[in-house]
Amino acid sequence: MRRVLVFAAVSEAATGGALLLVPSRVGQWLFGVELTGIAITVARVTGIALIALGVACWPGTPLAGMVTYGAAVTLYLAYVGFAGGLTGVLLWPVVVLHLILTTLLVRASTLVTRR
């Protein structure tokens, strides 16, 4: 079982990395069309989620996966808002929400490691 879980974790993280780094190419390989516009942003958030899933599935604590996801998606969405000019009505509330959740998760992880 452990080998299958490690294989799944590595596979998901690798797919997530590809979506994060070359989303348009992954779209071409998967769907036969290049991703453009907002689809690239959505693909990158999906890539972040898959990397976090890989971290969560790696033998250890799933909390690490949630911290990875929360921190990475907070930073990426803030970057999109500042640099990309994509600012829907919920972008900044979502960034703040992820920042709060990530902070709470980090605090929880320090409590777990102290025990």
PDB file of N, CA and C in Angstrom:
ATOM      1  N   MET A   1       0.817  -1.197   0.000  1.00  0.00           N
ATOM      2  CA  MET A   1       0.000   0.000   0.000  1.00  0.00           C
ATOM      3  C   MET A   1       0.860   1.260   0.000  1.00  0.00           C
ATOM      4  N   ARG A   2       1.936   1.237   0.779  1.00  0.00           N
ATOM      5  CA  ARG A   2       2.809   2.406   0.870  1.00  0.00           C
ATOM      6  C   ARG A   2       3.395   2.762  -0.479  1.00  0.00           C
ATOM      7  N   ARG A   3       3.801   1.793  -1.259  1.00  0.00           N
ATOM      8  CA  ARG A   3       4.375   2.049  -2.587  1.00  0.00           C
ATOM      9  C   ARG A   3       3.362   2.708  -3.515  1.00  0.00           C
ATOM     10  N   VAL A   4       2.133   2.230  -3.456  1.00  0.00           N
ATOM     11  CA  VAL A   4       1.079   2.803  -4.303  1.00  0.00           C
ATOM     12  C   VAL A   4       0.824   4.248  -3.898  1.00  0.00           C
ATOM     13  N   LEU A   5       0.804   4.514  -2.603  1.00  0.00           N
ATOM     14  CA  LEU A   5       0.579   5.869  -2.123  1.00  0.00           C
ATOM     15  C   LEU A   5       1.717   6.799  -2.537  1.00  0.00           C
ATOM     16  N   VAL A   6       2.939   6.348  -2.430  1.00  0.00           N
ATOM     17  CA  VAL A   6       4.088   7.155  -2.862  1.00  0.00           C
ATOM     18  C   VAL A   6       4.023   7.395  -4.366  1.00  0.00           C
ATOM     19  N   PHE A   7       3.698   6.371  -5.138  1.00  0.00           N
ATOM     20  CA  PHE A   7       3.577   6.528  -6.593  1.00  0.00           C
ATOM     21  C   PHE A   7       2.495   7.550  -6.934  1.00  0.00           C
ATOM     22  N   ALA A   8       1.346   7.452  -6.259  1.00  0.00           N
ATOM     23  CA  ALA A   8       0.258   8.406  -6.498  1.00  0.00           C
ATOM     24  C   ALA A   8       0.693   9.820  -6.128  1.00  0.00           C
ATOM     25  N   ALA A   9       1.379   9.964  -5.001  1.00  0.00           N
ATOM     26  CA  ALA A   9       1.839  11.284  -4.563  1.00  0.00           C
ATOM     27  C   ALA A   9       2.795  11.897  -5.568  1.00  0.00           C
ATOM     28  N   VAL A  10       3.747  11.115  -6.035  1.00  0.00           N
ATOM     29  CA  VAL A  10       4.724  11.619  -7.006  1.00  0.00           C
ATOM     30  C   VAL A  10       4.032  11.950  -8.334  1.00  0.00           C
ATOM     31  N   SER A  11       3.128  11.098  -8.774  1.00  0.00           N
ATOM     32  CA  SER A  11       2.412  11.332 -10.033  1.00  0.00           C
ATOM     33  C   SER A  11       1.585  12.618  -9.984  1.00  0.00           C
ATOM     34  N   GLU A  12       0.834  12.799  -8.901  1.00  0.00           N
ATOM     35  CA  GLU A  12       0.007  14.003  -8.774  1.00  0.00           C
ATOM     36  C   GLU A  12       0.868  15.256  -8.681  1.00  0.00           C
ATOM     37  N   ALA A  13       1.941  15.186  -7.917  1.00  0.00           N
ATOM     38  CA  ALA A  13       2.823  16.348  -7.779  1.00  0.00           C
ATOM     39  C   ALA A  13       3.492  16.684  -9.110  1.00  0.00           C
ATOM     40  N   ALA A  14       3.893  15.675  -9.866  1.00  0.00           N
ATOM     41  CA  ALA A  14       4.511  15.915 -11.173  1.00  0.00           C
ATOM     42  C   ALA A  14       3.516  16.548 -12.144  1.00  0.00           C
ATOM     43  N   THR A  15       2.292  16.043 -12.145  1.00  0.00           N
ATOM     44  CA  THR A  15       1.251  16.631 -12.992  1.00  0.00           C
ATOM     45  C   THR A  15       0.981  18.074 -12.574  1.00  0.00           C
ATOM     46  N   GLY A  16       0.925  18.308 -11.277  1.00  0.00           N
ATOM     47  CA  GLY A  16       0.727  19.662 -10.768  1.00  0.00           C
ATOM     48  C   GLY A  16       1.858  20.590 -11.165  1.00  0.00           C
ATOM     49  N   GLY A  17       3.072  20.100 -11.080  1.00  0.00           N
ATOM     50  CA  GLY A  17       4.226  20.900 -11.500  1.00  0.00           C
ATOM     51  C   GLY A  17       4.156  21.263 -12.974  1.00  0.00           C
ATOM     52  N   ALA A  18       3.755  20.308 -13.788  1.00  0.00           N
ATOM     53  CA  ALA A  18       3.617  20.578 -15.226  1.00  0.00           C
ATOM     54  C   ALA A  18       2.526  21.623 -15.471  1.00  0.00           C
ATOM     55  N   LEU A  19       1.396  21.495 -14.770  1.00  0.00           N
ATOM     56  CA  LEU A  19       0.326  22.489 -14.924  1.00  0.00           C
ATOM     57  C   LEU A  19       0.772  23.867 -14.452  1.00  0.00           C
ATOM     58  N   LEU A  20       1.589  23.915 -13.443  1.00  0.00           N
ATOM     59  CA  LEU A  20       2.070  25.189 -12.921  1.00  0.00           C
ATOM     60  C   LEU A  20       3.073  25.836 -13.876  1.00  0.00           C
ATOM     61  N   LEU A  21       3.963  25.032 -14.445  1.00  0.00           N
ATOM     62  CA  LEU A  21       5.044  25.561 -15.274  1.00  0.00           C
ATOM     63  C   LEU A  21       4.682  25.729 -16.747  1.00  0.00           C
ATOM     64  N   VAL A  22       3.973  24.768 -17.314  1.00  0.00           N
ATOM     65  CA  VAL A  22       3.632  24.823 -18.749  1.00  0.00           C
ATOM     66  C   VAL A  22       2.161  24.459 -18.961  1.00  0.00           C
ATOM     67  N   PRO A  23       1.249  25.260 -18.431  1.00  0.00           N
ATOM     68  CA  PRO A  23      -0.173  24.904 -18.493  1.00  0.00           C
ATOM     69  C   PRO A  23      -0.709  24.760 -19.912  1.00  0.00           C
ATOM     70  N   SER A  24      -0.248  25.599 -20.818  1.00  0.00           N
ATOM     71  CA  SER A  24      -0.750  25.530 -22.184  1.00  0.00           C
ATOM     72  C   SER A  24      -0.352  24.220 -22.867  1.00  0.00           C
ATOM     73  N   ARG A  25       0.867  23.790 -22.624  1.00  0.00           N
ATOM     74  CA  ARG A  25       1.342  22.534 -23.214  1.00  0.00           C
ATOM     75  C   ARG A  25       0.571  21.343 -22.648  1.00  0.00           C
ATOM     76  N   VAL A  26       0.302  21.349 -21.343  1.00  0.00           N
ATOM     77  CA  VAL A  26      -0.472  20.270 -20.730  1.00  0.00           C
ATOM     78  C   VAL A  26      -1.874  20.242 -21.329  1.00  0.00           C
ATOM     79  N   GLY A  27      -2.460  21.408 -21.527  1.00  0.00           N
ATOM     80  CA  GLY A  27      -3.767  21.483 -22.184  1.00  0.00           C
ATOM     81  C   GLY A  27      -3.731  20.882 -23.577  1.00  0.00           C
ATOM     82  N   GLN A  28      -2.654  21.160 -24.302  1.00  0.00           N
ATOM     83  CA  GLN A  28      -2.489  20.593 -25.649  1.00  0.00           C
ATOM     84  C   GLN A  28      -2.395  19.074 -25.576  1.00  0.00           C
ATOM     85  N   TRP A  29      -1.615  18.571 -24.636  1.00  0.00           N
ATOM     86  CA  TRP A  29      -1.440  17.125 -24.507  1.00  0.00           C
ATOM     87  C   TRP A  29      -2.721  16.435 -24.058  1.00  0.00           C
ATOM     88  N   LEU A  30      -3.447  17.050 -23.142  1.00  0.00           N
ATOM     89  CA  LEU A  30      -4.652  16.414 -22.606  1.00  0.00           C
ATOM     90  C   LEU A  30      -5.879  16.583 -23.501  1.00  0.00           C
ATOM     91  N   PHE A  31      -6.083  17.791 -24.002  1.00  0.00           N
ATOM     92  CA  PHE A  31      -7.337  18.112 -24.678  1.00  0.00           C
ATOM     93  C   PHE A  31      -7.189  18.410 -26.163  1.00  0.00           C
ATOM     94  N   GLY A  32      -5.954  18.488 -26.634  1.00  0.00           N
ATOM     95  CA  GLY A  32      -5.731  18.755 -28.047  1.00  0.00           C
ATOM     96  C   GLY A  32      -5.812  20.229 -28.411  1.00  0.00           C
ATOM     97  N   VAL A  33      -5.921  21.112 -27.426  1.00  0.00           N
ATOM     98  CA  VAL A  33      -5.932  22.555 -27.675  1.00  0.00           C
ATOM     99  C   VAL A  33      -5.068  23.241 -26.620  1.00  0.00           C
ATOM    100  N   GLU A  34      -4.440  24.340 -27.007  1.00  0.00           N
ATOM    101  CA  GLU A  34      -3.653  25.094 -26.048  1.00  0.00           C
ATOM    102  C   GLU A  34      -4.570  25.898 -25.144  1.00  0.00           C
ATOM    103  N   LEU A  35      -4.204  25.974 -23.886  1.00  0.00           N
ATOM    104  CA  LEU A  35      -4.958  26.794 -22.950  1.00  0.00           C
ATOM    105  C   LEU A  35      -4.537  28.248 -23.148  1.00  0.00           C
ATOM    106  N   THR A  36      -5.507  29.152 -23.078  1.00  0.00           N
ATOM    107  CA  THR A  36      -5.226  30.582 -23.217  1.00  0.00           C
ATOM    108  C   THR A  36      -6.046  31.358 -22.196  1.00  0.00           C
ATOM    109  N   GLY A  37      -5.690  32.600 -22.016  1.00  0.00           N
ATOM    110  CA  GLY A  37      -6.461  33.495 -21.166  1.00  0.00           C
ATOM    111  C   GLY A  37      -6.597  32.990 -19.741  1.00  0.00           C
ATOM    112  N   ILE A  38      -7.805  33.090 -19.229  1.00  0.00           N
ATOM    113  CA  ILE A  38      -8.086  32.728 -17.839  1.00  0.00           C
ATOM    114  C   ILE A  38      -7.874  31.237 -17.579  1.00  0.00           C
ATOM    115  N   ALA A  39      -7.942  30.424 -18.618  1.00  0.00           N
ATOM    116  CA  ALA A  39      -7.723  28.980 -18.450  1.00  0.00           C
ATOM    117  C   ALA A  39      -6.319  28.692 -17.930  1.00  0.00           C
ATOM    118  N   ILE A  40      -5.354  29.530 -18.272  1.00  0.00           N
ATOM    119  CA  ILE A  40      -3.991  29.337 -17.772  1.00  0.00           C
ATOM    120  C   ILE A  40      -3.948  29.575 -16.262  1.00  0.00           C
ATOM    121  N   THR A  41      -4.622  30.612 -15.798  1.00  0.00           N
ATOM    122  CA  THR A  41      -4.666  30.894 -14.362  1.00  0.00           C
ATOM    123  C   THR A  41      -5.353  29.759 -13.609  1.00  0.00           C
ATOM    124  N   VAL A  42      -6.461  29.287 -14.135  1.00  0.00           N
ATOM    125  CA  VAL A  42      -7.189  28.191 -13.498  1.00  0.00           C
ATOM    126  C   VAL A  42      -6.332  26.922 -13.499  1.00  0.00           C
ATOM    127  N   ALA A  43      -5.630  26.661 -14.589  1.00  0.00           N
ATOM    128  CA  ALA A  43      -4.758  25.484 -14.665  1.00  0.00           C
ATOM    129  C   ALA A  43      -3.637  25.573 -13.638  1.00  0.00           C
ATOM    130  N   ARG A  44      -3.096  26.757 -13.437  1.00  0.00           N
ATOM    131  CA  ARG A  44      -2.028  26.903 -12.443  1.00  0.00           C
ATOM    132  C   ARG A  44      -2.540  26.695 -11.025  1.00  0.00           C
ATOM    133  N   VAL A  45      -3.727  27.187 -10.709  1.00  0.00           N
ATOM    134  CA  VAL A  45      -4.306  26.930  -9.388  1.00  0.00           C
ATOM    135  C   VAL A  45      -4.547  25.428  -9.227  1.00  0.00           C
ATOM    136  N   THR A  46      -5.004  24.782 -10.284  1.00  0.00           N
ATOM    137  CA  THR A  46      -5.171  23.333 -10.255  1.00  0.00           C
ATOM    138  C   THR A  46      -3.832  22.633 -10.040  1.00  0.00           C
ATOM    139  N   GLY A  47      -2.792  23.139 -10.675  1.00  0.00           N
ATOM    140  CA  GLY A  47      -1.453  22.585 -10.480  1.00  0.00           C
ATOM    141  C   GLY A  47      -1.003  22.696  -9.031  1.00  0.00           C
ATOM    142  N   ILE A  48      -1.271  23.853  -8.429  1.00  0.00           N
ATOM    143  CA  ILE A  48      -0.937  24.041  -7.012  1.00  0.00           C
ATOM    144  C   ILE A  48      -1.694  23.016  -6.160  1.00  0.00           C
ATOM    145  N   ALA A  49      -2.964  22.822  -6.472  1.00  0.00           N
ATOM    146  CA  ALA A  49      -3.774  21.854  -5.712  1.00  0.00           C
ATOM    147  C   ALA A  49      -3.229  20.434  -5.864  1.00  0.00           C
ATOM    148  N   LEU A  50      -2.795  20.070  -7.061  1.00  0.00           N
ATOM    149  CA  LEU A  50      -2.252  18.720  -7.262  1.00  0.00           C
ATOM    150  C   LEU A  50      -0.917  18.535  -6.552  1.00  0.00           C
ATOM    151  N   ILE A  51      -0.100  19.569  -6.529  1.00  0.00           N
ATOM    152  CA  ILE A  51       1.153  19.480  -5.777  1.00  0.00           C
ATOM    153  C   ILE A  51       0.845  19.282  -4.292  1.00  0.00           C
ATOM    154  N   ALA A  52      -0.110  20.047  -3.777  1.00  0.00           N
ATOM    155  CA  ALA A  52      -0.494  19.905  -2.371  1.00  0.00           C
ATOM    156  C   ALA A  52      -1.074  18.523  -2.095  1.00  0.00           C
ATOM    157  N   LEU A  53      -1.849  17.994  -3.043  1.00  0.00           N
ATOM    158  CA  LEU A  53      -2.378  16.642  -2.888  1.00  0.00           C
ATOM    159  C   LEU A  53      -1.239  15.633  -2.819  1.00  0.00           C
ATOM    160  N   GLY A  54      -0.235  15.817  -3.654  1.00  0.00           N
ATOM    161  CA  GLY A  54       0.941  14.946  -3.604  1.00  0.00           C
ATOM    162  C   GLY A  54       1.645  15.018  -2.258  1.00  0.00           C
ATOM    163  N   VAL A  55       1.771  16.232  -1.728  1.00  0.00           N
ATOM    164  CA  VAL A  55       2.395  16.399  -0.407  1.00  0.00           C
ATOM    165  C   VAL A  55       1.537  15.730   0.667  1.00  0.00           C
ATOM    166  N   ALA A  56       0.214  15.904   0.572  1.00  0.00           N
ATOM    167  CA  ALA A  56      -0.685  15.319   1.568  1.00  0.00           C
ATOM    168  C   ALA A  56      -0.682  13.796   1.516  1.00  0.00           C
ATOM    169  N   CYS A  57      -0.500  13.237   0.339  1.00  0.00           N
ATOM    170  CA  CYS A  57      -0.509  11.779   0.182  1.00  0.00           C
ATOM    171  C   CYS A  57       0.834  11.153   0.499  1.00  0.00           C
ATOM    172  N   TRP A  58       1.870  11.965   0.546  1.00  0.00           N
ATOM    173  CA  TRP A  58       3.183  11.438   0.889  1.00  0.00           C
ATOM    174  C   TRP A  58       3.111  10.926   2.319  1.00  0.00           C
ATOM    175  N   PRO A  59       3.753   9.819   2.611  1.00  0.00           N
ATOM    176  CA  PRO A  59       3.697   9.321   3.986  1.00  0.00           C
ATOM    177  C   PRO A  59       4.103  10.413   4.983  1.00  0.00           C
ATOM    178  N   GLY A  60       3.229  10.678   5.896  1.00  0.00           N
ATOM    179  CA  GLY A  60       3.427  11.758   6.870  1.00  0.00           C
ATOM    180  C   GLY A  60       2.076  12.370   7.175  1.00  0.00           C
ATOM    181  N   THR A  61       2.078  13.627   7.467  1.00  0.00           N
ATOM    182  CA  THR A  61       0.839  14.284   7.862  1.00  0.00           C
ATOM    183  C   THR A  61       0.140  14.979   6.692  1.00  0.00           C
ATOM    184  N   PRO A  62      -1.166  14.817   6.554  1.00  0.00           N
ATOM    185  CA  PRO A  62      -1.913  15.537   5.518  1.00  0.00           C
ATOM    186  C   PRO A  62      -1.917  17.044   5.761  1.00  0.00           C
ATOM    187  N   LEU A  63      -1.641  17.452   6.992  1.00  0.00           N
ATOM    188  CA  LEU A  63      -1.591  18.872   7.320  1.00  0.00           C
ATOM    189  C   LEU A  63      -0.564  19.596   6.459  1.00  0.00           C
ATOM    190  N   ALA A  64       0.533  18.938   6.162  1.00  0.00           N
ATOM    191  CA  ALA A  64       1.566  19.555   5.318  1.00  0.00           C
ATOM    192  C   ALA A  64       1.023  19.883   3.928  1.00  0.00           C
ATOM    193  N   GLY A  65       0.165  19.031   3.407  1.00  0.00           N
ATOM    194  CA  GLY A  65      -0.443  19.290   2.103  1.00  0.00           C
ATOM    195  C   GLY A  65      -1.352  20.497   2.128  1.00  0.00           C
ATOM    196  N   MET A  66      -2.125  20.636   3.192  1.00  0.00           N
ATOM    197  CA  MET A  66      -3.015  21.786   3.304  1.00  0.00           C
ATOM    198  C   MET A  66      -2.234  23.088   3.490  1.00  0.00           C
ATOM    199  N   VAL A  67      -1.156  23.042   4.264  1.00  0.00           N
ATOM    200  CA  VAL A  67      -0.314  24.228   4.429  1.00  0.00           C
ATOM    201  C   VAL A  67       0.327  24.592   3.090  1.00  0.00           C
ATOM    202  N   THR A  68       0.809  23.588   2.364  1.00  0.00           N
ATOM    203  CA  THR A  68       1.398  23.825   1.048  1.00  0.00           C
ATOM    204  C   THR A  68       0.392  24.483   0.126  1.00  0.00           C
ATOM    205  N   TYR A  69      -0.808  23.926   0.064  1.00  0.00           N
ATOM    206  CA  TYR A  69      -1.839  24.486  -0.806  1.00  0.00           C
ATOM    207  C   TYR A  69      -2.206  25.907  -0.394  1.00  0.00           C
ATOM    208  N   GLY A  70      -2.477  26.099   0.882  1.00  0.00           N
ATOM    209  CA  GLY A  70      -2.904  27.416   1.354  1.00  0.00           C
ATOM    210  C   GLY A  70      -1.879  28.495   1.075  1.00  0.00           C
ATOM    211  N   ALA A  71      -0.629  28.221   1.398  1.00  0.00           N
ATOM    212  CA  ALA A  71       0.428  29.211   1.186  1.00  0.00           C
ATOM    213  C   ALA A  71       0.643  29.488  -0.302  1.00  0.00           C
ATOM    214  N   ALA A  72       0.711  28.429  -1.093  1.00  0.00           N
ATOM    215  CA  ALA A  72       0.986  28.606  -2.526  1.00  0.00           C
ATOM    216  C   ALA A  72      -0.159  29.316  -3.244  1.00  0.00           C
ATOM    217  N   VAL A  73      -1.396  28.940  -2.943  1.00  0.00           N
ATOM    218  CA  VAL A  73      -2.522  29.571  -3.636  1.00  0.00           C
ATOM    219  C   VAL A  73      -2.687  31.022  -3.169  1.00  0.00           C
ATOM    220  N   THR A  74      -2.387  31.307  -1.906  1.00  0.00           N
ATOM    221  CA  THR A  74      -2.422  32.698  -1.428  1.00  0.00           C
ATOM    222  C   THR A  74      -1.431  33.552  -2.204  1.00  0.00           C
ATOM    223  N   LEU A  75      -0.204  33.074  -2.305  1.00  0.00           N
ATOM    224  CA  LEU A  75       0.825  33.822  -3.024  1.00  0.00           C
ATOM    225  C   LEU A  75       0.501  33.969  -4.496  1.00  0.00           C
ATOM    226  N   TYR A  76       0.039  32.892  -5.124  1.00  0.00           N
ATOM    227  CA  TYR A  76      -0.244  32.953  -6.555  1.00  0.00           C
ATOM    228  C   TYR A  76      -1.416  33.880  -6.859  1.00  0.00           C
ATOM    229  N   LEU A  77      -2.500  33.772  -6.101  1.00  0.00           N
ATOM    230  CA  LEU A  77      -3.648  34.641  -6.364  1.00  0.00           C
ATOM    231  C   LEU A  77      -3.319  36.105  -6.083  1.00  0.00           C
ATOM    232  N   ALA A  78      -2.515  36.370  -5.068  1.00  0.00           N
ATOM    233  CA  ALA A  78      -2.082  37.747  -4.816  1.00  0.00           C
ATOM    234  C   ALA A  78      -1.231  38.250  -5.978  1.00  0.00           C
ATOM    235  N   TYR A  79      -0.350  37.395  -6.478  1.00  0.00           N
ATOM    236  CA  TYR A  79       0.457  37.762  -7.649  1.00  0.00           C
ATOM    237  C   TYR A  79      -0.428  38.068  -8.852  1.00  0.00           C
ATOM    238  N   VAL A  80      -1.419  37.212  -9.093  1.00  0.00           N
ATOM    239  CA  VAL A  80      -2.343  37.431 -10.214  1.00  0.00           C
ATOM    240  C   VAL A  80      -3.058  38.773 -10.053  1.00  0.00           C
ATOM    241  N   GLY A  81      -3.463  39.073  -8.840  1.00  0.00           N
ATOM    242  CA  GLY A  81      -4.158  40.333  -8.594  1.00  0.00           C
ATOM    243  C   GLY A  81      -3.279  41.554  -8.805  1.00  0.00           C
ATOM    244  N   PHE A  82      -2.029  41.483  -8.361  1.00  0.00           N
ATOM    245  CA  PHE A  82      -1.128  42.623  -8.496  1.00  0.00           C
ATOM    246  C   PHE A  82      -0.531  42.736  -9.894  1.00  0.00           C
ATOM    247  N   ALA A  83      -0.016  41.639 -10.416  1.00  0.00           N
ATOM    248  CA  ALA A  83       0.725  41.686 -11.676  1.00  0.00           C
ATOM    249  C   ALA A  83      -0.143  41.436 -12.898  1.00  0.00           C
ATOM    250  N   GLY A  84      -1.131  40.563 -12.739  1.00  0.00           N
ATOM    251  CA  GLY A  84      -1.920  40.179 -13.897  1.00  0.00           C
ATOM    252  C   GLY A  84      -3.127  41.051 -14.154  1.00  0.00           C
ATOM    253  N   GLY A  85      -3.496  41.839 -13.183  1.00  0.00           N
ATOM    254  CA  GLY A  85      -4.642  42.713 -13.352  1.00  0.00           C
ATOM    255  C   GLY A  85      -5.979  41.996 -13.363  1.00  0.00           C
ATOM    256  N   LEU A  86      -5.991  40.718 -13.000  1.00  0.00           N
ATOM    257  CA  LEU A  86      -7.244  39.966 -12.937  1.00  0.00           C
ATOM    258  C   LEU A  86      -7.804  40.127 -11.530  1.00  0.00           C
ATOM    259  N   THR A  87      -8.834  40.948 -11.382  1.00  0.00           N
ATOM    260  CA  THR A  87      -9.366  41.212 -10.052  1.00  0.00           C
ATOM    261  C   THR A  87     -10.887  41.186 -10.071  1.00  0.00           C
ATOM    262  N   GLY A  88     -11.444  40.002  -9.899  1.00  0.00           N
ATOM    263  CA  GLY A  88     -12.885  39.887  -9.741  1.00  0.00           C
ATOM    264  C   GLY A  88     -13.269  40.309  -8.333  1.00  0.00           C
ATOM    265  N   VAL A  89     -14.540  40.386  -8.090  1.00  0.00           N
ATOM    266  CA  VAL A  89     -15.041  40.876  -6.801  1.00  0.00           C
ATOM    267  C   VAL A  89     -14.614  39.987  -5.629  1.00  0.00           C
ATOM    268  N   LEU A  90     -14.367  38.712  -5.865  1.00  0.00           N
ATOM    269  CA  LEU A  90     -13.998  37.805  -4.773  1.00  0.00           C
ATOM    270  C   LEU A  90     -12.497  37.536  -4.651  1.00  0.00           C
ATOM    271  N   LEU A  91     -11.686  38.077  -5.559  1.00  0.00           N
ATOM    272  CA  LEU A  91     -10.258  37.745  -5.527  1.00  0.00           C
ATOM    273  C   LEU A  91      -9.626  38.095  -4.187  1.00  0.00           C
ATOM    274  N   TRP A  92      -9.714  39.332  -3.755  1.00  0.00           N
ATOM    275  CA  TRP A  92      -9.029  39.734  -2.528  1.00  0.00           C
ATOM    276  C   TRP A  92      -9.638  39.110  -1.286  1.00  0.00           C
ATOM    277  N   PRO A  93     -10.966  38.979  -1.192  1.00  0.00           N
ATOM    278  CA  PRO A  93     -11.486  38.229  -0.031  1.00  0.00           C
ATOM    279  C   PRO A  93     -10.982  36.787   0.013  1.00  0.00           C
ATOM    280  N   VAL A  94     -10.835  36.152  -1.139  1.00  0.00           N
ATOM    281  CA  VAL A  94     -10.318  34.778  -1.181  1.00  0.00           C
ATOM    282  C   VAL A  94      -8.851  34.753  -0.776  1.00  0.00           C
ATOM    283  N   VAL A  95      -8.068  35.733  -1.221  1.00  0.00           N
ATOM    284  CA  VAL A  95      -6.660  35.807  -0.820  1.00  0.00           C
ATOM    285  C   VAL A  95      -6.564  35.947   0.701  1.00  0.00           C
ATOM    286  N   VAL A  96      -7.363  36.837   1.273  1.00  0.00           N
ATOM    287  CA  VAL A  96      -7.351  37.037   2.726  1.00  0.00           C
ATOM    288  C   VAL A  96      -7.812  35.769   3.448  1.00  0.00           C
ATOM    289  N   LEU A  97      -8.861  35.136   2.945  1.00  0.00           N
ATOM    290  CA  LEU A  97      -9.345  33.893   3.554  1.00  0.00           C
ATOM    291  C   LEU A  97      -8.268  32.813   3.551  1.00  0.00           C
ATOM    292  N   HIS A  98      -7.580  32.637   2.422  1.00  0.00           N
ATOM    293  CA  HIS A  98      -6.508  31.636   2.354  1.00  0.00           C
ATOM    294  C   HIS A  98      -5.348  32.003   3.265  1.00  0.00           C
ATOM    295  N   LEU A  99      -5.070  33.280   3.390  1.00  0.00           N
ATOM    296  CA  LEU A  99      -4.012  33.710   4.297  1.00  0.00           C
ATOM    297  C   LEU A  99      -4.369  33.369   5.745  1.00  0.00           C
ATOM    298  N   ILE A 100      -5.612  33.634   6.122  1.00  0.00           N
ATOM    299  CA  ILE A 100      -6.067  33.306   7.480  1.00  0.00           C
ATOM    300  C   ILE A 100      -6.035  31.796   7.715  1.00  0.00           C
ATOM    301  N   LEU A 101      -6.571  31.030   6.765  1.00  0.00           N
ATOM    302  CA  LEU A 101      -6.575  29.568   6.917  1.00  0.00           C
ATOM    303  C   LEU A 101      -5.164  29.007   6.990  1.00  0.00           C
ATOM    304  N   THR A 102      -4.266  29.512   6.158  1.00  0.00           N
ATOM    305  CA  THR A 102      -2.885  29.039   6.176  1.00  0.00           C
ATOM    306  C   THR A 102      -2.228  29.366   7.510  1.00  0.00           C
ATOM    307  N   THR A 103      -2.475  30.560   8.026  1.00  0.00           N
ATOM    308  CA  THR A 103      -1.934  30.942   9.327  1.00  0.00           C
ATOM    309  C   THR A 103      -2.448  30.009  10.420  1.00  0.00           C
ATOM    310  N   LEU A 104      -3.739  29.721  10.392  1.00  0.00           N
ATOM    311  CA  LEU A 104      -4.307  28.795  11.382  1.00  0.00           C
ATOM    312  C   LEU A 104      -3.716  27.394  11.242  1.00  0.00           C
ATOM    313  N   LEU A 105      -3.516  26.943  10.010  1.00  0.00           N
ATOM    314  CA  LEU A 105      -2.928  25.614   9.789  1.00  0.00           C
ATOM    315  C   LEU A 105      -1.483  25.557  10.275  1.00  0.00           C
ATOM    316  N   VAL A 106      -0.737  26.617  10.035  1.00  0.00           N
ATOM    317  CA  VAL A 106       0.652  26.653  10.511  1.00  0.00           C
ATOM    318  C   VAL A 106       0.670  26.628  12.032  1.00  0.00           C
ATOM    319  N   ARG A 107      -0.212  27.400  12.658  1.00  0.00           N
ATOM    320  CA  ARG A 107      -0.299  27.378  14.123  1.00  0.00           C
ATOM    321  C   ARG A 107      -0.677  25.983  14.622  1.00  0.00           C
ATOM    322  N   ALA A 108      -1.615  25.335  13.943  1.00  0.00           N
ATOM    323  CA  ALA A 108      -2.009  23.981  14.336  1.00  0.00           C
ATOM    324  C   ALA A 108      -0.857  23.011  14.179  1.00  0.00           C
ATOM    325  N   SER A 109      -0.076  23.175  13.121  1.00  0.00           N
ATOM    326  CA  SER A 109       1.045  22.255  12.911  1.00  0.00           C
ATOM    327  C   SER A 109       2.112  22.437  13.967  1.00  0.00           C
ATOM    328  N   THR A 110       2.306  23.650  14.454  1.00  0.00           N
ATOM    329  CA  THR A 110       3.287  23.838  15.521  1.00  0.00           C
ATOM    330  C   THR A 110       2.795  23.232  16.828  1.00  0.00           C
ATOM    331  N   LEU A 111       1.480  23.239  17.035  1.00  0.00           N
ATOM    332  CA  LEU A 111       0.919  22.589  18.231  1.00  0.00           C
ATOM    333  C   LEU A 111       1.084  21.076  18.147  1.00  0.00           C
ATOM    334  N   VAL A 112       0.918  20.517  16.951  1.00  0.00           N
ATOM    335  CA  VAL A 112       1.061  19.067  16.762  1.00  0.00           C
ATOM    336  C   VAL A 112       2.509  18.655  16.994  1.00  0.00           C
ATOM    337  N   THR A 113       3.456  19.450  16.501  1.00  0.00           N
ATOM    338  CA  THR A 113       4.865  19.064  16.655  1.00  0.00           C
ATOM    339  C   THR A 113       5.364  19.246  18.088  1.00  0.00           C
ATOM    340  N   ARG A 114       4.710  20.111  18.862  1.00  0.00           N
ATOM    341  CA  ARG A 114       5.114  20.317  20.259  1.00  0.00           C
ATOM    342  C   ARG A 114       4.696  19.161  21.158  1.00  0.00           C
ATOM    343  N   ARG A 115       3.671  18.437  20.746  1.00  0.00           N
ATOM    344  CA  ARG A 115       3.145  17.342  21.593  1.00  0.00           C
ATOM    345  C   ARG A 115       4.007  16.160  21.566  1.00  0.00           C
TER     346      ARG A 115
END
